[in-house]
């Protein structure tokens, strides 16, 4: 089954972009564009970085770093969860083996 795509207009730092997007993903795209716009404006307004290209690259780096941190945290949480489930499973087996 082919997903139906429609163009969605988003605005980032005053520029409008039309992005083809699956209908069911439009809300997520709009929300992501709003977050990106807010982060880029915040970086621009700080005055530390000048130029739209540099602002875009620094924002992308910040977002990539945040994503990497979340992936690392998720992997650690998955490992901890697996360990806890393994211990719980072992306890259940012990109780069932030794009533």
PDB file of N, CA and C in Angstrom:
ATOM      1  N   UNK A   1       0.840  -1.184   0.000  1.00  0.00           N
ATOM      2  CA  UNK A   1       0.000   0.000   0.000  1.00  0.00           C
ATOM      3  C   UNK A   1       0.883   1.246   0.000  1.00  0.00           C
ATOM      4  N   UNK A   2       0.638   2.166  -0.875  1.00  0.00           N
ATOM      5  CA  UNK A   2       1.420   3.387  -0.989  1.00  0.00           C
ATOM      6  C   UNK A   2       0.841   4.458  -0.076  1.00  0.00           C
ATOM      7  N   UNK A   3       1.761   5.130   0.659  1.00  0.00           N
ATOM      8  CA  UNK A   3       1.311   6.215   1.528  1.00  0.00           C
ATOM      9  C   UNK A   3       1.039   7.450   0.667  1.00  0.00           C
ATOM     10  N   UNK A   4      -0.028   8.140   0.994  1.00  0.00           N
ATOM     11  CA  UNK A   4      -0.369   9.359   0.276  1.00  0.00           C
ATOM     12  C   UNK A   4       0.448  10.507   0.864  1.00  0.00           C
ATOM     13  N   UNK A   5       1.140  11.242   0.000  1.00  0.00           N
ATOM     14  CA  UNK A   5       1.916  12.384   0.452  1.00  0.00           C
ATOM     15  C   UNK A   5       1.309  13.664  -0.089  1.00  0.00           C
ATOM     16  N   UNK A   6       1.395  14.678   0.728  1.00  0.00           N
ATOM     17  CA  UNK A   6       0.929  16.010   0.349  1.00  0.00           C
ATOM     18  C   UNK A   6       1.990  17.021   0.738  1.00  0.00           C
ATOM     19  N   UNK A   7       2.075  18.144   0.018  1.00  0.00           N
ATOM     20  CA  UNK A   7       3.034  19.164   0.411  1.00  0.00           C
ATOM     21  C   UNK A   7       2.559  19.889   1.676  1.00  0.00           C
ATOM     22  N   UNK A   8       3.512  20.107   2.573  1.00  0.00           N
ATOM     23  CA  UNK A   8       3.236  20.831   3.815  1.00  0.00           C
ATOM     24  C   UNK A   8       4.117  22.067   3.820  1.00  0.00           C
ATOM     25  N   UNK A   9       3.542  23.211   4.132  1.00  0.00           N
ATOM     26  CA  UNK A   9       4.320  24.449   4.220  1.00  0.00           C
ATOM     27  C   UNK A   9       4.803  24.626   5.648  1.00  0.00           C
ATOM     28  N   UNK A  10       6.121  24.812   5.777  1.00  0.00           N
ATOM     29  CA  UNK A  10       6.698  25.113   7.083  1.00  0.00           C
ATOM     30  C   UNK A  10       7.538  26.377   6.941  1.00  0.00           C
ATOM     31  N   UNK A  11       7.697  27.095   8.025  1.00  0.00           N
ATOM     32  CA  UNK A  11       8.500  28.312   8.009  1.00  0.00           C
ATOM     33  C   UNK A  11       9.595  28.189   9.045  1.00  0.00           C
ATOM     34  N   UNK A  12      10.834  28.393   8.581  1.00  0.00           N
ATOM     35  CA  UNK A  12      11.990  28.335   9.467  1.00  0.00           C
ATOM     36  C   UNK A  12      12.791  29.608   9.246  1.00  0.00           C
ATOM     37  N   UNK A  13      12.954  30.364  10.318  1.00  0.00           N
ATOM     38  CA  UNK A  13      13.676  31.639  10.299  1.00  0.00           C
ATOM     39  C   UNK A  13      13.176  32.556   9.175  1.00  0.00           C
ATOM     40  N   UNK A  14      11.855  32.619   9.031  1.00  0.00           N
ATOM     41  CA  UNK A  14      11.246  33.530   8.077  1.00  0.00           C
ATOM     42  C   UNK A  14      11.190  33.033   6.647  1.00  0.00           C
ATOM     43  N   UNK A  15      11.744  31.852   6.377  1.00  0.00           N
ATOM     44  CA  UNK A  15      11.694  31.309   5.022  1.00  0.00           C
ATOM     45  C   UNK A  15      10.704  30.163   4.982  1.00  0.00           C
ATOM     46  N   UNK A  16       9.910  30.161   3.925  1.00  0.00           N
ATOM     47  CA  UNK A  16       8.902  29.114   3.777  1.00  0.00           C
ATOM     48  C   UNK A  16       9.460  27.980   2.927  1.00  0.00           C
ATOM     49  N   UNK A  17       9.182  26.769   3.367  1.00  0.00           N
ATOM     50  CA  UNK A  17       9.595  25.566   2.654  1.00  0.00           C
ATOM     51  C   UNK A  17       8.370  24.684   2.456  1.00  0.00           C
ATOM     52  N   UNK A  18       8.299  24.060   1.296  1.00  0.00           N
ATOM     53  CA  UNK A  18       7.234  23.085   1.036  1.00  0.00           C
ATOM     54  C   UNK A  18       7.898  21.715   1.062  1.00  0.00           C
ATOM     55  N   UNK A  19       7.388  20.849   1.940  1.00  0.00           N
ATOM     56  CA  UNK A  19       7.957  19.525   2.139  1.00  0.00           C
ATOM     57  C   UNK A  19       6.878  18.485   1.844  1.00  0.00           C
ATOM     58  N   UNK A  20       7.200  17.524   0.993  1.00  0.00           N
ATOM     59  CA  UNK A  20       6.278  16.416   0.751  1.00  0.00           C
ATOM     60  C   UNK A  20       6.332  15.490   1.955  1.00  0.00           C
ATOM     61  N   UNK A  21       5.165  15.141   2.452  1.00  0.00           N
ATOM     62  CA  UNK A  21       5.096  14.379   3.688  1.00  0.00           C
ATOM     63  C   UNK A  21       3.861  13.488   3.681  1.00  0.00           C
ATOM     64  N   UNK A  22       4.011  12.296   4.268  1.00  0.00           N
ATOM     65  CA  UNK A  22       2.862  11.405   4.408  1.00  0.00           C
ATOM     66  C   UNK A  22       1.817  12.093   5.279  1.00  0.00           C
ATOM     67  N   UNK A  23       0.576  11.919   4.934  1.00  0.00           N
ATOM     68  CA  UNK A  23      -0.523  12.596   5.627  1.00  0.00           C
ATOM     69  C   UNK A  23      -0.465  12.342   7.129  1.00  0.00           C
ATOM     70  N   UNK A  24      -0.208  11.079   7.515  1.00  0.00           N
ATOM     71  CA  UNK A  24      -0.212  10.749   8.939  1.00  0.00           C
ATOM     72  C   UNK A  24       1.011  11.286   9.693  1.00  0.00           C
ATOM     73  N   UNK A  25       1.991  11.822   8.973  1.00  0.00           N
ATOM     74  CA  UNK A  25       3.193  12.365   9.619  1.00  0.00           C
ATOM     75  C   UNK A  25       3.240  13.891   9.595  1.00  0.00           C
ATOM     76  N   UNK A  26       2.203  14.534   9.069  1.00  0.00           N
ATOM     77  CA  UNK A  26       2.218  15.985   8.917  1.00  0.00           C
ATOM     78  C   UNK A  26       2.311  16.718  10.251  1.00  0.00           C
ATOM     79  N   UNK A  27       1.561  16.284  11.242  1.00  0.00           N
ATOM     80  CA  UNK A  27       1.596  16.958  12.538  1.00  0.00           C
ATOM     81  C   UNK A  27       2.990  16.890  13.158  1.00  0.00           C
ATOM     82  N   UNK A  28       3.639  15.725  13.046  1.00  0.00           N
ATOM     83  CA  UNK A  28       4.995  15.583  13.579  1.00  0.00           C
ATOM     84  C   UNK A  28       5.970  16.483  12.834  1.00  0.00           C
ATOM     85  N   UNK A  29       5.824  16.575  11.510  1.00  0.00           N
ATOM     86  CA  UNK A  29       6.699  17.445  10.718  1.00  0.00           C
ATOM     87  C   UNK A  29       6.530  18.901  11.133  1.00  0.00           C
ATOM     88  N   UNK A  30       5.307  19.344  11.278  1.00  0.00           N
ATOM     89  CA  UNK A  30       5.036  20.730  11.665  1.00  0.00           C
ATOM     90  C   UNK A  30       5.611  21.016  13.040  1.00  0.00           C
ATOM     91  N   UNK A  31       5.417  20.091  13.971  1.00  0.00           N
ATOM     92  CA  UNK A  31       5.957  20.266  15.329  1.00  0.00           C
ATOM     93  C   UNK A  31       7.488  20.307  15.292  1.00  0.00           C
ATOM     94  N   UNK A  32       8.110  19.426  14.514  1.00  0.00           N
ATOM     95  CA  UNK A  32       9.570  19.403  14.397  1.00  0.00           C
ATOM     96  C   UNK A  32      10.084  20.708  13.802  1.00  0.00           C
ATOM     97  N   UNK A  33       9.399  21.210  12.792  1.00  0.00           N
ATOM     98  CA  UNK A  33       9.800  22.473  12.164  1.00  0.00           C
ATOM     99  C   UNK A  33       9.690  23.632  13.155  1.00  0.00           C
ATOM    100  N   UNK A  34       8.661  23.616  13.975  1.00  0.00           N
ATOM    101  CA  UNK A  34       8.505  24.673  14.985  1.00  0.00           C
ATOM    102  C   UNK A  34       9.623  24.619  16.016  1.00  0.00           C
ATOM    103  N   UNK A  35       9.995  23.410  16.424  1.00  0.00           N
ATOM    104  CA  UNK A  35      11.099  23.266  17.375  1.00  0.00           C
ATOM    105  C   UNK A  35      12.414  23.726  16.756  1.00  0.00           C
ATOM    106  N   UNK A  36      12.658  23.336  15.512  1.00  0.00           N
ATOM    107  CA  UNK A  36      13.867  23.745  14.821  1.00  0.00           C
ATOM    108  C   UNK A  36      13.927  25.259  14.685  1.00  0.00           C
ATOM    109  N   UNK A  37      12.824  25.856  14.286  1.00  0.00           N
ATOM    110  CA  UNK A  37      12.756  27.313  14.145  1.00  0.00           C
ATOM    111  C   UNK A  37      13.064  27.986  15.480  1.00  0.00           C
ATOM    112  N   UNK A  38      12.492  27.491  16.553  1.00  0.00           N
ATOM    113  CA  UNK A  38      12.718  28.085  17.876  1.00  0.00           C
ATOM    114  C   UNK A  38      14.184  27.977  18.274  1.00  0.00           C
ATOM    115  N   UNK A  39      14.792  26.823  18.041  1.00  0.00           N
ATOM    116  CA  UNK A  39      16.198  26.648  18.415  1.00  0.00           C
ATOM    117  C   UNK A  39      17.119  27.522  17.573  1.00  0.00           C
ATOM    118  N   UNK A  40      16.822  27.624  16.276  1.00  0.00           N
ATOM    119  CA  UNK A  40      17.650  28.459  15.409  1.00  0.00           C
ATOM    120  C   UNK A  40      17.509  29.931  15.782  1.00  0.00           C
ATOM    121  N   UNK A  41      16.301  30.374  16.089  1.00  0.00           N
ATOM    122  CA  UNK A  41      16.097  31.768  16.495  1.00  0.00           C
ATOM    123  C   UNK A  41      16.798  32.061  17.821  1.00  0.00           C
ATOM    124  N   UNK A  42      16.742  31.116  18.736  1.00  0.00           N
ATOM    125  CA  UNK A  42      17.408  31.284  20.032  1.00  0.00           C
ATOM    126  C   UNK A  42      18.914  31.436  19.831  1.00  0.00           C
ATOM    127  N   UNK A  43      19.494  30.600  18.984  1.00  0.00           N
ATOM    128  CA  UNK A  43      20.924  30.669  18.705  1.00  0.00           C
ATOM    129  C   UNK A  43      21.265  31.987  18.014  1.00  0.00           C
ATOM    130  N   UNK A  44      20.442  32.396  17.059  1.00  0.00           N
ATOM    131  CA  UNK A  44      20.666  33.660  16.353  1.00  0.00           C
ATOM    132  C   UNK A  44      20.574  34.834  17.317  1.00  0.00           C
ATOM    133  N   UNK A  45      19.549  34.807  18.190  1.00  0.00           N
ATOM    134  CA  UNK A  45      19.327  35.917  19.111  1.00  0.00           C
ATOM    135  C   UNK A  45      20.381  36.003  20.206  1.00  0.00           C
ATOM    136  N   UNK A  46      21.112  34.916  20.431  1.00  0.00           N
ATOM    137  CA  UNK A  46      22.186  34.958  21.434  1.00  0.00           C
ATOM    138  C   UNK A  46      23.328  35.854  20.964  1.00  0.00           C
ATOM    139  N   UNK A  47      23.419  36.051  19.633  1.00  0.00           N
ATOM    140  CA  UNK A  47      24.440  36.925  19.078  1.00  0.00           C
ATOM    141  C   UNK A  47      25.804  36.277  18.961  1.00  0.00           C
ATOM    142  N   UNK A  48      25.933  35.034  19.386  1.00  0.00           N
ATOM    143  CA  UNK A  48      27.233  34.366  19.349  1.00  0.00           C
ATOM    144  C   UNK A  48      27.575  33.844  17.962  1.00  0.00           C
ATOM    145  N   UNK A  49      26.552  33.572  17.160  1.00  0.00           N
ATOM    146  CA  UNK A  49      26.771  33.004  15.831  1.00  0.00           C
ATOM    147  C   UNK A  49      26.029  33.858  14.812  1.00  0.00           C
ATOM    148  N   UNK A  50      26.734  34.210  13.746  1.00  0.00           N
ATOM    149  CA  UNK A  50      26.158  35.068  12.718  1.00  0.00           C
ATOM    150  C   UNK A  50      26.095  34.299  11.403  1.00  0.00           C
ATOM    151  N   UNK A  51      25.028  34.479  10.684  1.00  0.00           N
ATOM    152  CA  UNK A  51      24.867  33.864   9.370  1.00  0.00           C
ATOM    153  C   UNK A  51      23.965  32.647   9.439  1.00  0.00           C
ATOM    154  N   UNK A  52      23.002  32.589   8.528  1.00  0.00           N
ATOM    155  CA  UNK A  52      22.025  31.495   8.560  1.00  0.00           C
ATOM    156  C   UNK A  52      22.657  30.110   8.383  1.00  0.00           C
ATOM    157  N   UNK A  53      23.713  30.014   7.558  1.00  0.00           N
ATOM    158  CA  UNK A  53      24.360  28.716   7.360  1.00  0.00           C
ATOM    159  C   UNK A  53      25.014  28.231   8.655  1.00  0.00           C
ATOM    160  N   UNK A  54      25.722  29.115   9.327  1.00  0.00           N
ATOM    161  CA  UNK A  54      26.395  28.741  10.577  1.00  0.00           C
ATOM    162  C   UNK A  54      25.369  28.409  11.663  1.00  0.00           C
ATOM    163  N   UNK A  55      24.290  29.179  11.687  1.00  0.00           N
ATOM    164  CA  UNK A  55      23.227  28.902  12.667  1.00  0.00           C
ATOM    165  C   UNK A  55      22.621  27.528  12.404  1.00  0.00           C
ATOM    166  N   UNK A  56      22.378  27.201  11.129  1.00  0.00           N
ATOM    167  CA  UNK A  56      21.799  25.904  10.777  1.00  0.00           C
ATOM    168  C   UNK A  56      22.750  24.767  11.159  1.00  0.00           C
ATOM    169  N   UNK A  57      24.042  24.931  10.876  1.00  0.00           N
ATOM    170  CA  UNK A  57      25.011  23.879  11.200  1.00  0.00           C
ATOM    171  C   UNK A  57      25.125  23.695  12.710  1.00  0.00           C
ATOM    172  N   UNK A  58      25.209  24.776  13.459  1.00  0.00           N
ATOM    173  CA  UNK A  58      25.329  24.661  14.913  1.00  0.00           C
ATOM    174  C   UNK A  58      24.066  24.059  15.521  1.00  0.00           C
ATOM    175  N   UNK A  59      22.914  24.431  14.995  1.00  0.00           N
ATOM    176  CA  UNK A  59      21.665  23.848  15.484  1.00  0.00           C
ATOM    177  C   UNK A  59      21.618  22.364  15.169  1.00  0.00           C
ATOM    178  N   UNK A  60      22.039  21.983  13.975  1.00  0.00           N
ATOM    179  CA  UNK A  60      22.076  20.563  13.599  1.00  0.00           C
ATOM    180  C   UNK A  60      23.030  19.798  14.509  1.00  0.00           C
ATOM    181  N   UNK A  61      24.184  20.380  14.797  1.00  0.00           N
ATOM    182  CA  UNK A  61      25.136  19.729  15.711  1.00  0.00           C
ATOM    183  C   UNK A  61      24.547  19.576  17.105  1.00  0.00           C
ATOM    184  N   UNK A  62      23.883  20.608  17.583  1.00  0.00           N
ATOM    185  CA  UNK A  62      23.254  20.534  18.905  1.00  0.00           C
ATOM    186  C   UNK A  62      22.190  19.441  18.943  1.00  0.00           C
ATOM    187  N   UNK A  63      21.361  19.370  17.901  1.00  0.00           N
ATOM    188  CA  UNK A  63      20.318  18.355  17.843  1.00  0.00           C
ATOM    189  C   UNK A  63      20.908  16.955  17.706  1.00  0.00           C
ATOM    190  N   UNK A  64      21.973  16.814  16.905  1.00  0.00           N
ATOM    191  CA  UNK A  64      22.620  15.514  16.746  1.00  0.00           C
ATOM    192  C   UNK A  64      23.239  15.062  18.072  1.00  0.00           C
ATOM    193  N   UNK A  65      23.832  15.993  18.795  1.00  0.00           N
ATOM    194  CA  UNK A  65      24.414  15.676  20.106  1.00  0.00           C
ATOM    195  C   UNK A  65      23.330  15.245  21.086  1.00  0.00           C
ATOM    196  N   UNK A  66      22.237  15.977  21.100  1.00  0.00           N
ATOM    197  CA  UNK A  66      21.122  15.631  21.988  1.00  0.00           C
ATOM    198  C   UNK A  66      20.569  14.250  21.638  1.00  0.00           C
ATOM    199  N   UNK A  67      20.437  13.958  20.345  1.00  0.00           N
ATOM    200  CA  UNK A  67      19.945  12.656  19.907  1.00  0.00           C
ATOM    201  C   UNK A  67      20.901  11.547  20.336  1.00  0.00           C
ATOM    202  N   UNK A  68      22.209  11.780  20.185  1.00  0.00           N
ATOM    203  CA  UNK A  68      23.194  10.773  20.580  1.00  0.00           C
ATOM    204  C   UNK A  68      23.139  10.520  22.080  1.00  0.00           C
ATOM    205  N   UNK A  69      22.989  11.564  22.877  1.00  0.00           N
ATOM    206  CA  UNK A  69      22.875  11.407  24.328  1.00  0.00           C
ATOM    207  C   UNK A  69      21.636  10.591  24.678  1.00  0.00           C
ATOM    208  N   UNK A  70      20.516  10.851  24.018  1.00  0.00           N
ATOM    209  CA  UNK A  70      19.285  10.109  24.274  1.00  0.00           C
ATOM    210  C   UNK A  70      19.416   8.644  23.859  1.00  0.00           C
ATOM    211  N   UNK A  71      20.112   8.379  22.746  1.00  0.00           N
ATOM    212  CA  UNK A  71      20.329   7.002  22.314  1.00  0.00           C
ATOM    213  C   UNK A  71      21.186   6.251  23.335  1.00  0.00           C
ATOM    214  N   UNK A  72      22.225   6.906  23.836  1.00  0.00           N
ATOM    215  CA  UNK A  72      23.092   6.295  24.843  1.00  0.00           C
ATOM    216  C   UNK A  72      22.306   6.015  26.109  1.00  0.00           C
ATOM    217  N   UNK A  73      21.510   6.992  26.529  1.00  0.00           N
ATOM    218  CA  UNK A  73      20.686   6.826  27.731  1.00  0.00           C
ATOM    219  C   UNK A  73      19.677   5.692  27.527  1.00  0.00           C
ATOM    220  N   UNK A  74      19.079   5.614  26.351  1.00  0.00           N
ATOM    221  CA  UNK A  74      18.108   4.566  26.052  1.00  0.00           C
ATOM    222  C   UNK A  74      18.773   3.186  26.098  1.00  0.00           C
ATOM    223  N   UNK A  75      19.976   3.077  25.536  1.00  0.00           N
ATOM    224  CA  UNK A  75      20.687   1.799  25.555  1.00  0.00           C
ATOM    225  C   UNK A  75      20.988   1.375  26.989  1.00  0.00           C
ATOM    226  N   UNK A  76      21.401   2.327  27.818  1.00  0.00           N
ATOM    227  CA  UNK A  76      21.682   2.026  29.222  1.00  0.00           C
ATOM    228  C   UNK A  76      20.419   1.583  29.944  1.00  0.00           C
ATOM    229  N   UNK A  77      19.324   2.280  29.709  1.00  0.00           N
ATOM    230  CA  UNK A  77      18.050   1.908  30.344  1.00  0.00           C
ATOM    231  C   UNK A  77      17.575   0.534  29.885  1.00  0.00           C
ATOM    232  N   UNK A  78      17.764   0.228  28.592  1.00  0.00           N
ATOM    233  CA  UNK A  78      17.396  -1.098  28.080  1.00  0.00           C
ATOM    234  C   UNK A  78      18.228  -2.186  28.734  1.00  0.00           C
ATOM    235  N   UNK A  79      19.514  -1.913  28.919  1.00  0.00           N
ATOM    236  CA  UNK A  79      20.391  -2.881  29.578  1.00  0.00           C
ATOM    237  C   UNK A  79      19.959  -3.095  31.027  1.00  0.00           C
ATOM    238  N   UNK A  80      19.674  -2.009  31.735  1.00  0.00           N
ATOM    239  CA  UNK A  80      19.230  -2.124  33.123  1.00  0.00           C
ATOM    240  C   UNK A  80      17.905  -2.868  33.215  1.00  0.00           C
ATOM    241  N   UNK A  81      17.000  -2.592  32.301  1.00  0.00           N
ATOM    242  CA  UNK A  81      15.716  -3.274  32.283  1.00  0.00           C
ATOM    243  C   UNK A  81      15.905  -4.769  32.039  1.00  0.00           C
ATOM    244  N   UNK A  82      16.763  -5.117  31.096  1.00  0.00           N
ATOM    245  CA  UNK A  82      17.027  -6.530  30.817  1.00  0.00           C
ATOM    246  C   UNK A  82      17.605  -7.237  32.030  1.00  0.00           C
ATOM    247  N   UNK A  83      18.515  -6.557  32.721  1.00  0.00           N
ATOM    248  CA  UNK A  83      19.103  -7.146  33.927  1.00  0.00           C
ATOM    249  C   UNK A  83      18.046  -7.345  35.006  1.00  0.00           C
ATOM    250  N   UNK A  84      17.194  -6.357  35.201  1.00  0.00           N
ATOM    251  CA  UNK A  84      16.131  -6.467  36.208  1.00  0.00           C
ATOM    252  C   UNK A  84      15.149  -7.581  35.857  1.00  0.00           C
ATOM    253  N   UNK A  85      14.781  -7.666  34.580  1.00  0.00           N
ATOM    254  CA  UNK A  85      13.865  -8.718  34.156  1.00  0.00           C
ATOM    255  C   UNK A  85      14.507 -10.099  34.310  1.00  0.00           C
ATOM    256  N   UNK A  86      15.788 -10.194  34.041  1.00  0.00           N
ATOM    257  CA  UNK A  86      16.497 -11.460  34.216  1.00  0.00           C
ATOM    258  C   UNK A  86      16.504 -11.888  35.683  1.00  0.00           C
ATOM    259  N   UNK A  87      16.779 -10.933  36.581  1.00  0.00           N
ATOM    260  CA  UNK A  87      16.768 -11.232  38.019  1.00  0.00           C
ATOM    261  C   UNK A  87      15.370 -11.630  38.477  1.00  0.00           C
ATOM    262  N   UNK A  88      14.372 -10.910  37.994  1.00  0.00           N
ATOM    263  CA  UNK A  88      12.988 -11.222  38.362  1.00  0.00           C
ATOM    264  C   UNK A  88      12.600 -12.611  37.852  1.00  0.00           C
ATOM    265  N   UNK A  89      12.980 -12.926  36.635  1.00  0.00           N
ATOM    266  CA  UNK A  89      12.696 -14.239  36.063  1.00  0.00           C
ATOM    267  C   UNK A  89      13.367 -15.334  36.892  1.00  0.00           C
ATOM    268  N   UNK A  90      14.604 -15.088  37.286  1.00  0.00           N
ATOM    269  CA  UNK A  90      15.328 -16.061  38.117  1.00  0.00           C
ATOM    270  C   UNK A  90      14.628 -16.262  39.455  1.00  0.00           C
ATOM    271  N   UNK A  91      14.166 -15.189  40.069  1.00  0.00           N
ATOM    272  CA  UNK A  91      13.442 -15.286  41.334  1.00  0.00           C
ATOM    273  C   UNK A  91      12.157 -16.090  41.170  1.00  0.00           C
ATOM    274  N   UNK A  92      11.445 -15.832  40.083  1.00  0.00           N
ATOM    275  CA  UNK A  92      10.194 -16.563  39.831  1.00  0.00           C
ATOM    276  C   UNK A  92      10.492 -18.046  39.641  1.00  0.00           C
ATOM    277  N   UNK A  93      11.517 -18.364  38.878  1.00  0.00           N
ATOM    278  CA  UNK A  93      11.899 -19.764  38.673  1.00  0.00           C
ATOM    279  C   UNK A  93      12.275 -20.427  39.989  1.00  0.00           C
ATOM    280  N   UNK A  94      12.995 -19.704  40.858  1.00  0.00           N
ATOM    281  CA  UNK A  94      13.382 -20.249  42.156  1.00  0.00           C
ATOM    282  C   UNK A  94      12.162 -20.544  43.023  1.00  0.00           C
ATOM    283  N   UNK A  95      11.207 -19.631  43.021  1.00  0.00           N
ATOM    284  CA  UNK A  95       9.994 -19.826  43.811  1.00  0.00           C
ATOM    285  C   UNK A  95       9.183 -21.014  43.278  1.00  0.00           C
ATOM    286  N   UNK A  96       9.102 -21.111  41.940  1.00  0.00           N
ATOM    287  CA  UNK A  96       8.338 -22.219  41.361  1.00  0.00           C
ATOM    288  C   UNK A  96       9.041 -23.567  41.572  1.00  0.00           C
ATOM    289  N   UNK A  97      10.353 -23.583  41.574  1.00  0.00           N
ATOM    290  CA  UNK A  97      11.115 -24.819  41.786  1.00  0.00           C
ATOM    291  C   UNK A  97      11.122 -25.243  43.256  1.00  0.00           C
ATOM    292  N   UNK A  98      11.055 -24.276  44.151  1.00  0.00           N
ATOM    293  CA  UNK A  98      11.113 -24.557  45.603  1.00  0.00           C
ATOM    294  C   UNK A  98       9.905 -23.947  46.307  1.00  0.00           C
ATOM    295  N   UNK A  99       8.747 -24.587  46.196  1.00  0.00           N
ATOM    296  CA  UNK A  99       7.534 -23.974  46.785  1.00  0.00           C
ATOM    297  C   UNK A  99       7.587 -23.934  48.255  1.00  0.00           C
TER     298      UNK A  99
END
